[in-house]
Amino acid sequence: MSDVTVGDLEAAIRNVPDFPQPGIQFKDITPVLGDARLFAGAIDLMASRHADAGIDACVGIDARGFIFAAAAAKQLGTGFVPVRKKG
């Protein structure tokens, strides 16, 4: 288990105001992805919450969801199911 906290992850995620359009607050997760300790910690936090739930597969929704769900699936020893948004 990692020493990474939810607070560590929140501090690393950048807010990009008005992107891709006015009024949208884009969450830039690349600082988490670029830091091995934070990325591993994020996966540990997600997977540990569900380790005893009898999960058959982890589902990741488009782009960023693929990254985290695939890593969580590997850690949990389950399958990974990618889901695309319409369009």
PDB file of N, CA and C in Angstrom:
ATOM      1  N   MET A   1       0.843  -1.191   0.000  1.00  0.00           N
ATOM      2  CA  MET A   1       0.000   0.000   0.000  1.00  0.00           C
ATOM      3  C   MET A   1       0.879   1.242   0.000  1.00  0.00           C
ATOM      4  N   SER A   2       0.432   2.235  -0.683  1.00  0.00           N
ATOM      5  CA  SER A   2       1.159   3.481  -0.872  1.00  0.00           C
ATOM      6  C   SER A   2       0.890   4.461   0.268  1.00  0.00           C
ATOM      7  N   ASP A   3       1.776   5.438   0.395  1.00  0.00           N
ATOM      8  CA  ASP A   3       1.566   6.500   1.377  1.00  0.00           C
ATOM      9  C   ASP A   3       0.873   7.711   0.751  1.00  0.00           C
ATOM     10  N   VAL A   4       0.442   7.598  -0.490  1.00  0.00           N
ATOM     11  CA  VAL A   4      -0.228   8.687  -1.199  1.00  0.00           C
ATOM     12  C   VAL A   4      -1.651   8.838  -0.659  1.00  0.00           C
ATOM     13  N   THR A   5      -2.048  10.087  -0.426  1.00  0.00           N
ATOM     14  CA  THR A   5      -3.398  10.370   0.060  1.00  0.00           C
ATOM     15  C   THR A   5      -4.236  11.031  -1.038  1.00  0.00           C
ATOM     16  N   VAL A   6      -5.525  11.052  -0.820  1.00  0.00           N
ATOM     17  CA  VAL A   6      -6.411  11.751  -1.745  1.00  0.00           C
ATOM     18  C   VAL A   6      -6.001  13.220  -1.824  1.00  0.00           C
ATOM     19  N   GLY A   7      -5.593  13.790  -0.699  1.00  0.00           N
ATOM     20  CA  GLY A   7      -5.131  15.178  -0.682  1.00  0.00           C
ATOM     21  C   GLY A   7      -3.917  15.396  -1.568  1.00  0.00           C
ATOM     22  N   ASP A   8      -2.995  14.434  -1.576  1.00  0.00           N
ATOM     23  CA  ASP A   8      -1.823  14.525  -2.461  1.00  0.00           C
ATOM     24  C   ASP A   8      -2.263  14.575  -3.922  1.00  0.00           C
ATOM     25  N   LEU A   9      -3.223  13.737  -4.266  1.00  0.00           N
ATOM     26  CA  LEU A   9      -3.714  13.691  -5.645  1.00  0.00           C
ATOM     27  C   LEU A   9      -4.441  14.981  -6.008  1.00  0.00           C
ATOM     28  N   GLU A  10      -5.281  15.468  -5.097  1.00  0.00           N
ATOM     29  CA  GLU A  10      -6.000  16.720  -5.351  1.00  0.00           C
ATOM     30  C   GLU A  10      -5.032  17.879  -5.554  1.00  0.00           C
ATOM     31  N   ALA A  11      -3.949  17.898  -4.775  1.00  0.00           N
ATOM     32  CA  ALA A  11      -2.961  18.973  -4.897  1.00  0.00           C
ATOM     33  C   ALA A  11      -2.221  18.921  -6.230  1.00  0.00           C
ATOM     34  N   ALA A  12      -2.061  17.739  -6.782  1.00  0.00           N
ATOM     35  CA  ALA A  12      -1.312  17.581  -8.033  1.00  0.00           C
ATOM     36  C   ALA A  12      -2.155  17.876  -9.272  1.00  0.00           C
ATOM     37  N   ILE A  13      -3.453  17.689  -9.177  1.00  0.00           N
ATOM     38  CA  ILE A  13      -4.330  17.892 -10.338  1.00  0.00           C
ATOM     39  C   ILE A  13      -4.541  19.386 -10.559  1.00  0.00           C
ATOM     40  N   ARG A  14      -4.252  19.828 -11.782  1.00  0.00           N
ATOM     41  CA  ARG A  14      -4.374  21.249 -12.116  1.00  0.00           C
ATOM     42  C   ARG A  14      -5.755  21.556 -12.681  1.00  0.00           C
ATOM     43  N   ASN A  15      -6.285  22.698 -12.283  1.00  0.00           N
ATOM     44  CA  ASN A  15      -7.530  23.212 -12.853  1.00  0.00           C
ATOM     45  C   ASN A  15      -7.189  24.143 -13.998  1.00  0.00           C
ATOM     46  N   VAL A  16      -7.809  23.928 -15.139  1.00  0.00           N
ATOM     47  CA  VAL A  16      -7.626  24.800 -16.296  1.00  0.00           C
ATOM     48  C   VAL A  16      -8.985  25.444 -16.570  1.00  0.00           C
ATOM     49  N   PRO A  17      -9.153  26.710 -16.148  1.00  0.00           N
ATOM     50  CA  PRO A  17     -10.458  27.348 -16.316  1.00  0.00           C
ATOM     51  C   PRO A  17     -10.782  27.632 -17.779  1.00  0.00           C
ATOM     52  N   ASP A  18     -12.065  27.548 -18.073  1.00  0.00           N
ATOM     53  CA  ASP A  18     -12.585  27.890 -19.400  1.00  0.00           C
ATOM     54  C   ASP A  18     -11.969  27.072 -20.529  1.00  0.00           C
ATOM     55  N   PHE A  19     -11.721  25.792 -20.255  1.00  0.00           N
ATOM     56  CA  PHE A  19     -11.207  24.897 -21.293  1.00  0.00           C
ATOM     57  C   PHE A  19     -12.023  23.613 -21.277  1.00  0.00           C
ATOM     58  N   PRO A  20     -12.501  23.190 -22.389  1.00  0.00           N
ATOM     59  CA  PRO A  20     -12.280  23.664 -23.757  1.00  0.00           C
ATOM     60  C   PRO A  20     -13.200  24.804 -24.178  1.00  0.00           C
ATOM     61  N   GLN A  21     -14.096  25.214 -23.258  1.00  0.00           N
ATOM     62  CA  GLN A  21     -14.975  26.336 -23.578  1.00  0.00           C
ATOM     63  C   GLN A  21     -15.286  27.105 -22.301  1.00  0.00           C
ATOM     64  N   PRO A  22     -15.742  28.336 -22.421  1.00  0.00           N
ATOM     65  CA  PRO A  22     -16.044  29.132 -21.231  1.00  0.00           C
ATOM     66  C   PRO A  22     -17.006  28.410 -20.288  1.00  0.00           C
ATOM     67  N   GLY A  23     -16.693  28.494 -19.003  1.00  0.00           N
ATOM     68  CA  GLY A  23     -17.533  27.880 -17.984  1.00  0.00           C
ATOM     69  C   GLY A  23     -17.149  26.462 -17.605  1.00  0.00           C
ATOM     70  N   ILE A  24     -16.268  25.843 -18.379  1.00  0.00           N
ATOM     71  CA  ILE A  24     -15.803  24.481 -18.080  1.00  0.00           C
ATOM     72  C   ILE A  24     -14.510  24.571 -17.274  1.00  0.00           C
ATOM     73  N   GLN A  25     -14.402  23.750 -16.241  1.00  0.00           N
ATOM     74  CA  GLN A  25     -13.205  23.666 -15.405  1.00  0.00           C
ATOM     75  C   GLN A  25     -12.530  22.316 -15.713  1.00  0.00           C
ATOM     76  N   PHE A  26     -11.551  22.325 -16.630  1.00  0.00           N
ATOM     77  CA  PHE A  26     -10.873  21.097 -17.040  1.00  0.00           C
ATOM     78  C   PHE A  26      -9.905  20.662 -15.951  1.00  0.00           C
ATOM     79  N   LYS A  27      -9.896  19.373 -15.643  1.00  0.00           N
ATOM     80  CA  LYS A  27      -8.980  18.807 -14.652  1.00  0.00           C
ATOM     81  C   LYS A  27      -7.811  18.151 -15.384  1.00  0.00           C
ATOM     82  N   ASP A  28      -6.634  18.731 -15.251  1.00  0.00           N
ATOM     83  CA  ASP A  28      -5.429  18.212 -15.901  1.00  0.00           C
ATOM     84  C   ASP A  28      -4.765  17.199 -14.979  1.00  0.00           C
ATOM     85  N   ILE A  29      -4.851  15.922 -15.353  1.00  0.00           N
ATOM     86  CA  ILE A  29      -4.306  14.849 -14.514  1.00  0.00           C
ATOM     87  C   ILE A  29      -2.879  14.473 -14.893  1.00  0.00           C
ATOM     88  N   THR A  30      -2.297  15.146 -15.890  1.00  0.00           N
ATOM     89  CA  THR A  30      -0.954  14.750 -16.325  1.00  0.00           C
ATOM     90  C   THR A  30       0.096  14.832 -15.219  1.00  0.00           C
ATOM     91  N   PRO A  31      -0.017  15.741 -14.230  1.00  0.00           N
ATOM     92  CA  PRO A  31       0.966  15.690 -13.138  1.00  0.00           C
ATOM     93  C   PRO A  31       0.907  14.375 -12.349  1.00  0.00           C
ATOM     94  N   VAL A  32      -0.273  13.800 -12.208  1.00  0.00           N
ATOM     95  CA  VAL A  32      -0.406  12.505 -11.521  1.00  0.00           C
ATOM     96  C   VAL A  32       0.195  11.402 -12.386  1.00  0.00           C
ATOM     97  N   LEU A  33      -0.118  11.427 -13.676  1.00  0.00           N
ATOM     98  CA  LEU A  33       0.393  10.396 -14.583  1.00  0.00           C
ATOM     99  C   LEU A  33       1.909  10.464 -14.722  1.00  0.00           C
ATOM    100  N   GLY A  34       2.465  11.654 -14.625  1.00  0.00           N
ATOM    101  CA  GLY A  34       3.904  11.836 -14.804  1.00  0.00           C
ATOM    102  C   GLY A  34       4.736  11.558 -13.569  1.00  0.00           C
ATOM    103  N   ASP A  35       4.096  11.283 -12.455  1.00  0.00           N
ATOM    104  CA  ASP A  35       4.797  11.015 -11.199  1.00  0.00           C
ATOM    105  C   ASP A  35       4.492   9.573 -10.789  1.00  0.00           C
ATOM    106  N   ALA A  36       5.486   8.712 -10.877  1.00  0.00           N
ATOM    107  CA  ALA A  36       5.268   7.279 -10.619  1.00  0.00           C
ATOM    108  C   ALA A  36       4.662   7.025  -9.242  1.00  0.00           C
ATOM    109  N   ARG A  37       5.113   7.768  -8.230  1.00  0.00           N
ATOM    110  CA  ARG A  37       4.603   7.583  -6.870  1.00  0.00           C
ATOM    111  C   ARG A  37       3.120   7.950  -6.799  1.00  0.00           C
ATOM    112  N   LEU A  38       2.749   9.091  -7.380  1.00  0.00           N
ATOM    113  CA  LEU A  38       1.352   9.518  -7.348  1.00  0.00           C
ATOM    114  C   LEU A  38       0.461   8.591  -8.164  1.00  0.00           C
ATOM    115  N   PHE A  39       0.937   8.194  -9.346  1.00  0.00           N
ATOM    116  CA  PHE A  39       0.125   7.312 -10.189  1.00  0.00           C
ATOM    117  C   PHE A  39      -0.102   5.969  -9.494  1.00  0.00           C
ATOM    118  N   ALA A  40       0.957   5.379  -8.961  1.00  0.00           N
ATOM    119  CA  ALA A  40       0.812   4.106  -8.242  1.00  0.00           C
ATOM    120  C   ALA A  40      -0.101   4.276  -7.037  1.00  0.00           C
ATOM    121  N   GLY A  41       0.033   5.404  -6.348  1.00  0.00           N
ATOM    122  CA  GLY A  41      -0.816   5.670  -5.191  1.00  0.00           C
ATOM    123  C   GLY A  41      -2.279   5.802  -5.564  1.00  0.00           C
ATOM    124  N   ALA A  42      -2.553   6.453  -6.690  1.00  0.00           N
ATOM    125  CA  ALA A  42      -3.937   6.591  -7.157  1.00  0.00           C
ATOM    126  C   ALA A  42      -4.544   5.218  -7.430  1.00  0.00           C
ATOM    127  N   ILE A  43      -3.774   4.369  -8.082  1.00  0.00           N
ATOM    128  CA  ILE A  43      -4.261   3.016  -8.382  1.00  0.00           C
ATOM    129  C   ILE A  43      -4.447   2.222  -7.093  1.00  0.00           C
ATOM    130  N   ASP A  44      -3.497   2.328  -6.168  1.00  0.00           N
ATOM    131  CA  ASP A  44      -3.625   1.644  -4.876  1.00  0.00           C
ATOM    132  C   ASP A  44      -4.903   2.068  -4.153  1.00  0.00           C
ATOM    133  N   LEU A  45      -5.165   3.381  -4.128  1.00  0.00           N
ATOM    134  CA  LEU A  45      -6.359   3.878  -3.441  1.00  0.00           C
ATOM    135  C   LEU A  45      -7.634   3.337  -4.080  1.00  0.00           C
ATOM    136  N   MET A  46      -7.689   3.355  -5.402  1.00  0.00           N
ATOM    137  CA  MET A  46      -8.889   2.852  -6.091  1.00  0.00           C
ATOM    138  C   MET A  46      -9.051   1.348  -5.896  1.00  0.00           C
ATOM    139  N   ALA A  47      -7.995   0.606  -6.112  1.00  0.00           N
ATOM    140  CA  ALA A  47      -8.080  -0.857  -6.051  1.00  0.00           C
ATOM    141  C   ALA A  47      -8.336  -1.354  -4.629  1.00  0.00           C
ATOM    142  N   SER A  48      -7.713  -0.728  -3.640  1.00  0.00           N
ATOM    143  CA  SER A  48      -7.865  -1.209  -2.262  1.00  0.00           C
ATOM    144  C   SER A  48      -9.305  -1.087  -1.770  1.00  0.00           C
ATOM    145  N   ARG A  49     -10.038  -0.111  -2.273  1.00  0.00           N
ATOM    146  CA  ARG A  49     -11.443   0.058  -1.874  1.00  0.00           C
ATOM    147  C   ARG A  49     -12.316  -1.092  -2.354  1.00  0.00           C
ATOM    148  N   HIS A  50     -11.868  -1.794  -3.383  1.00  0.00           N
ATOM    149  CA  HIS A  50     -12.701  -2.816  -4.014  1.00  0.00           C
ATOM    150  C   HIS A  50     -12.052  -4.203  -4.027  1.00  0.00           C
ATOM    151  N   ALA A  51     -10.981  -4.366  -3.291  1.00  0.00           N
ATOM    152  CA  ALA A  51     -10.206  -5.611  -3.324  1.00  0.00           C
ATOM    153  C   ALA A  51     -11.025  -6.839  -2.927  1.00  0.00           C
ATOM    154  N   ASP A  52     -11.966  -6.675  -2.021  1.00  0.00           N
ATOM    155  CA  ASP A  52     -12.748  -7.814  -1.528  1.00  0.00           C
ATOM    156  C   ASP A  52     -14.179  -7.833  -2.069  1.00  0.00           C
ATOM    157  N   ALA A  53     -14.428  -7.105  -3.145  1.00  0.00           N
ATOM    158  CA  ALA A  53     -15.788  -6.963  -3.666  1.00  0.00           C
ATOM    159  C   ALA A  53     -16.167  -8.020  -4.695  1.00  0.00           C
ATOM    160  N   GLY A  54     -15.239  -8.885  -5.063  1.00  0.00           N
ATOM    161  CA  GLY A  54     -15.554  -9.918  -6.041  1.00  0.00           C
ATOM    162  C   GLY A  54     -15.789  -9.372  -7.440  1.00  0.00           C
ATOM    163  N   ILE A  55     -15.051  -8.356  -7.796  1.00  0.00           N
ATOM    164  CA  ILE A  55     -15.206  -7.713  -9.102  1.00  0.00           C
ATOM    165  C   ILE A  55     -14.693  -8.630 -10.208  1.00  0.00           C
ATOM    166  N   ASP A  56     -15.451  -8.720 -11.296  1.00  0.00           N
ATOM    167  CA  ASP A  56     -15.057  -9.514 -12.463  1.00  0.00           C
ATOM    168  C   ASP A  56     -14.262  -8.707 -13.474  1.00  0.00           C
ATOM    169  N   ALA A  57     -14.552  -7.408 -13.553  1.00  0.00           N
ATOM    170  CA  ALA A  57     -13.883  -6.560 -14.541  1.00  0.00           C
ATOM    171  C   ALA A  57     -13.930  -5.110 -14.086  1.00  0.00           C
ATOM    172  N   CYS A  58     -12.965  -4.353 -14.543  1.00  0.00           N
ATOM    173  CA  CYS A  58     -12.947  -2.905 -14.333  1.00  0.00           C
ATOM    174  C   CYS A  58     -13.309  -2.245 -15.656  1.00  0.00           C
ATOM    175  N   VAL A  59     -14.235  -1.308 -15.601  1.00  0.00           N
ATOM    176  CA  VAL A  59     -14.696  -0.610 -16.800  1.00  0.00           C
ATOM    177  C   VAL A  59     -14.125   0.798 -16.796  1.00  0.00           C
ATOM    178  N   GLY A  60     -13.496   1.161 -17.909  1.00  0.00           N
ATOM    179  CA  GLY A  60     -12.948   2.506 -18.063  1.00  0.00           C
ATOM    180  C   GLY A  60     -13.665   3.225 -19.183  1.00  0.00           C
ATOM    181  N   ILE A  61     -14.112   4.446 -18.903  1.00  0.00           N
ATOM    182  CA  ILE A  61     -14.839   5.218 -19.907  1.00  0.00           C
ATOM    183  C   ILE A  61     -13.881   6.175 -20.599  1.00  0.00           C
ATOM    184  N   ASP A  62     -13.769   6.003 -21.907  1.00  0.00           N
ATOM    185  CA  ASP A  62     -12.976   6.867 -22.792  1.00  0.00           C
ATOM    186  C   ASP A  62     -11.693   7.431 -22.177  1.00  0.00           C
ATOM    187  N   ALA A  63     -10.748   7.589 -22.975  1.00  0.00           N
ATOM    188  CA  ALA A  63      -9.460   8.239 -22.740  1.00  0.00           C
ATOM    189  C   ALA A  63      -8.906   8.085 -21.326  1.00  0.00           C
ATOM    190  N   ARG A  64      -9.177   9.031 -20.459  1.00  0.00           N
ATOM    191  CA  ARG A  64      -8.559   9.002 -19.133  1.00  0.00           C
ATOM    192  C   ARG A  64      -9.041   7.832 -18.290  1.00  0.00           C
ATOM    193  N   GLY A  65     -10.282   7.425 -18.470  1.00  0.00           N
ATOM    194  CA  GLY A  65     -10.786   6.268 -17.739  1.00  0.00           C
ATOM    195  C   GLY A  65     -10.065   4.983 -18.110  1.00  0.00           C
ATOM    196  N   PHE A  66      -9.628   4.898 -19.375  1.00  0.00           N
ATOM    197  CA  PHE A  66      -8.875   3.713 -19.813  1.00  0.00           C
ATOM    198  C   PHE A  66      -7.599   3.555 -18.990  1.00  0.00           C
ATOM    199  N   ILE A  67      -6.918   4.653 -18.759  1.00  0.00           N
ATOM    200  CA  ILE A  67      -5.631   4.630 -18.057  1.00  0.00           C
ATOM    201  C   ILE A  67      -5.797   4.049 -16.659  1.00  0.00           C
ATOM    202  N   PHE A  68      -6.737   4.593 -15.906  1.00  0.00           N
ATOM    203  CA  PHE A  68      -6.893   4.187 -14.512  1.00  0.00           C
ATOM    204  C   PHE A  68      -7.559   2.823 -14.365  1.00  0.00           C
ATOM    205  N   ALA A  69      -8.573   2.551 -15.156  1.00  0.00           N
ATOM    206  CA  ALA A  69      -9.274   1.271 -15.036  1.00  0.00           C
ATOM    207  C   ALA A  69      -8.393   0.102 -15.461  1.00  0.00           C
ATOM    208  N   ALA A  70      -7.586   0.284 -16.494  1.00  0.00           N
ATOM    209  CA  ALA A  70      -6.693  -0.799 -16.922  1.00  0.00           C
ATOM    210  C   ALA A  70      -5.669  -1.114 -15.837  1.00  0.00           C
ATOM    211  N   ALA A  71      -5.116  -0.078 -15.222  1.00  0.00           N
ATOM    212  CA  ALA A  71      -4.137  -0.294 -14.150  1.00  0.00           C
ATOM    213  C   ALA A  71      -4.799  -0.922 -12.923  1.00  0.00           C
ATOM    214  N   ALA A  72      -6.001  -0.485 -12.584  1.00  0.00           N
ATOM    215  CA  ALA A  72      -6.719  -1.072 -11.448  1.00  0.00           C
ATOM    216  C   ALA A  72      -7.066  -2.529 -11.725  1.00  0.00           C
ATOM    217  N   ALA A  73      -7.462  -2.836 -12.958  1.00  0.00           N
ATOM    218  CA  ALA A  73      -7.774  -4.221 -13.328  1.00  0.00           C
ATOM    219  C   ALA A  73      -6.557  -5.114 -13.155  1.00  0.00           C
ATOM    220  N   LYS A  74      -5.414  -4.634 -13.578  1.00  0.00           N
ATOM    221  CA  LYS A  74      -4.182  -5.414 -13.425  1.00  0.00           C
ATOM    222  C   LYS A  74      -3.913  -5.693 -11.955  1.00  0.00           C
ATOM    223  N   GLN A  75      -4.059  -4.661 -11.127  1.00  0.00           N
ATOM    224  CA  GLN A  75      -3.793  -4.818  -9.696  1.00  0.00           C
ATOM    225  C   GLN A  75      -4.806  -5.743  -9.025  1.00  0.00           C
ATOM    226  N   LEU A  76      -6.054  -5.693  -9.461  1.00  0.00           N
ATOM    227  CA  LEU A  76      -7.100  -6.528  -8.868  1.00  0.00           C
ATOM    228  C   LEU A  76      -7.163  -7.927  -9.473  1.00  0.00           C
ATOM    229  N   GLY A  77      -6.425  -8.139 -10.562  1.00  0.00           N
ATOM    230  CA  GLY A  77      -6.444  -9.443 -11.214  1.00  0.00           C
ATOM    231  C   GLY A  77      -7.741  -9.706 -11.956  1.00  0.00           C
ATOM    232  N   THR A  78      -8.327  -8.651 -12.510  1.00  0.00           N
ATOM    233  CA  THR A  78      -9.588  -8.783 -13.242  1.00  0.00           C
ATOM    234  C   THR A  78      -9.383  -8.424 -14.707  1.00  0.00           C
ATOM    235  N   GLY A  79     -10.441  -8.566 -15.470  1.00  0.00           N
ATOM    236  CA  GLY A  79     -10.422  -8.091 -16.843  1.00  0.00           C
ATOM    237  C   GLY A  79     -10.640  -6.592 -16.894  1.00  0.00           C
ATOM    238  N   PHE A  80     -10.395  -6.022 -18.064  1.00  0.00           N
ATOM    239  CA  PHE A  80     -10.615  -4.597 -18.311  1.00  0.00           C
ATOM    240  C   PHE A  80     -11.557  -4.447 -19.496  1.00  0.00           C
ATOM    241  N   VAL A  81     -12.569  -3.594 -19.356  1.00  0.00           N
ATOM    242  CA  VAL A  81     -13.532  -3.348 -20.427  1.00  0.00           C
ATOM    243  C   VAL A  81     -13.498  -1.860 -20.777  1.00  0.00           C
ATOM    244  N   PRO A  82     -13.011  -1.524 -21.988  1.00  0.00           N
ATOM    245  CA  PRO A  82     -13.041  -0.116 -22.400  1.00  0.00           C
ATOM    246  C   PRO A  82     -14.425   0.246 -22.945  1.00  0.00           C
ATOM    247  N   VAL A  83     -14.937   1.388 -22.562  1.00  0.00           N
ATOM    248  CA  VAL A  83     -16.229   1.866 -23.042  1.00  0.00           C
ATOM    249  C   VAL A  83     -16.018   3.226 -23.686  1.00  0.00           C
ATOM    250  N   ARG A  84     -16.508   3.351 -24.920  1.00  0.00           N
ATOM    251  CA  ARG A  84     -16.371   4.602 -25.666  1.00  0.00           C
ATOM    252  C   ARG A  84     -17.650   5.420 -25.556  1.00  0.00           C
ATOM    253  N   LYS A  85     -17.475   6.738 -25.557  1.00  0.00           N
ATOM    254  CA  LYS A  85     -18.630   7.630 -25.625  1.00  0.00           C
ATOM    255  C   LYS A  85     -19.185   7.610 -27.045  1.00  0.00           C
ATOM    256  N   LYS A  86     -20.462   7.856 -27.161  1.00  0.00           N
ATOM    257  CA  LYS A  86     -21.089   7.916 -28.478  1.00  0.00           C
ATOM    258  C   LYS A  86     -20.460   9.049 -29.291  1.00  0.00           C
ATOM    259  N   GLY A  87     -20.243   8.775 -30.570  1.00  0.00           N
ATOM    260  CA  GLY A  87     -19.738   9.816 -31.465  1.00  0.00           C
ATOM    261  C   GLY A  87     -18.342   9.662 -31.703  1.00  0.00           C
TER     262      GLY A  87
END
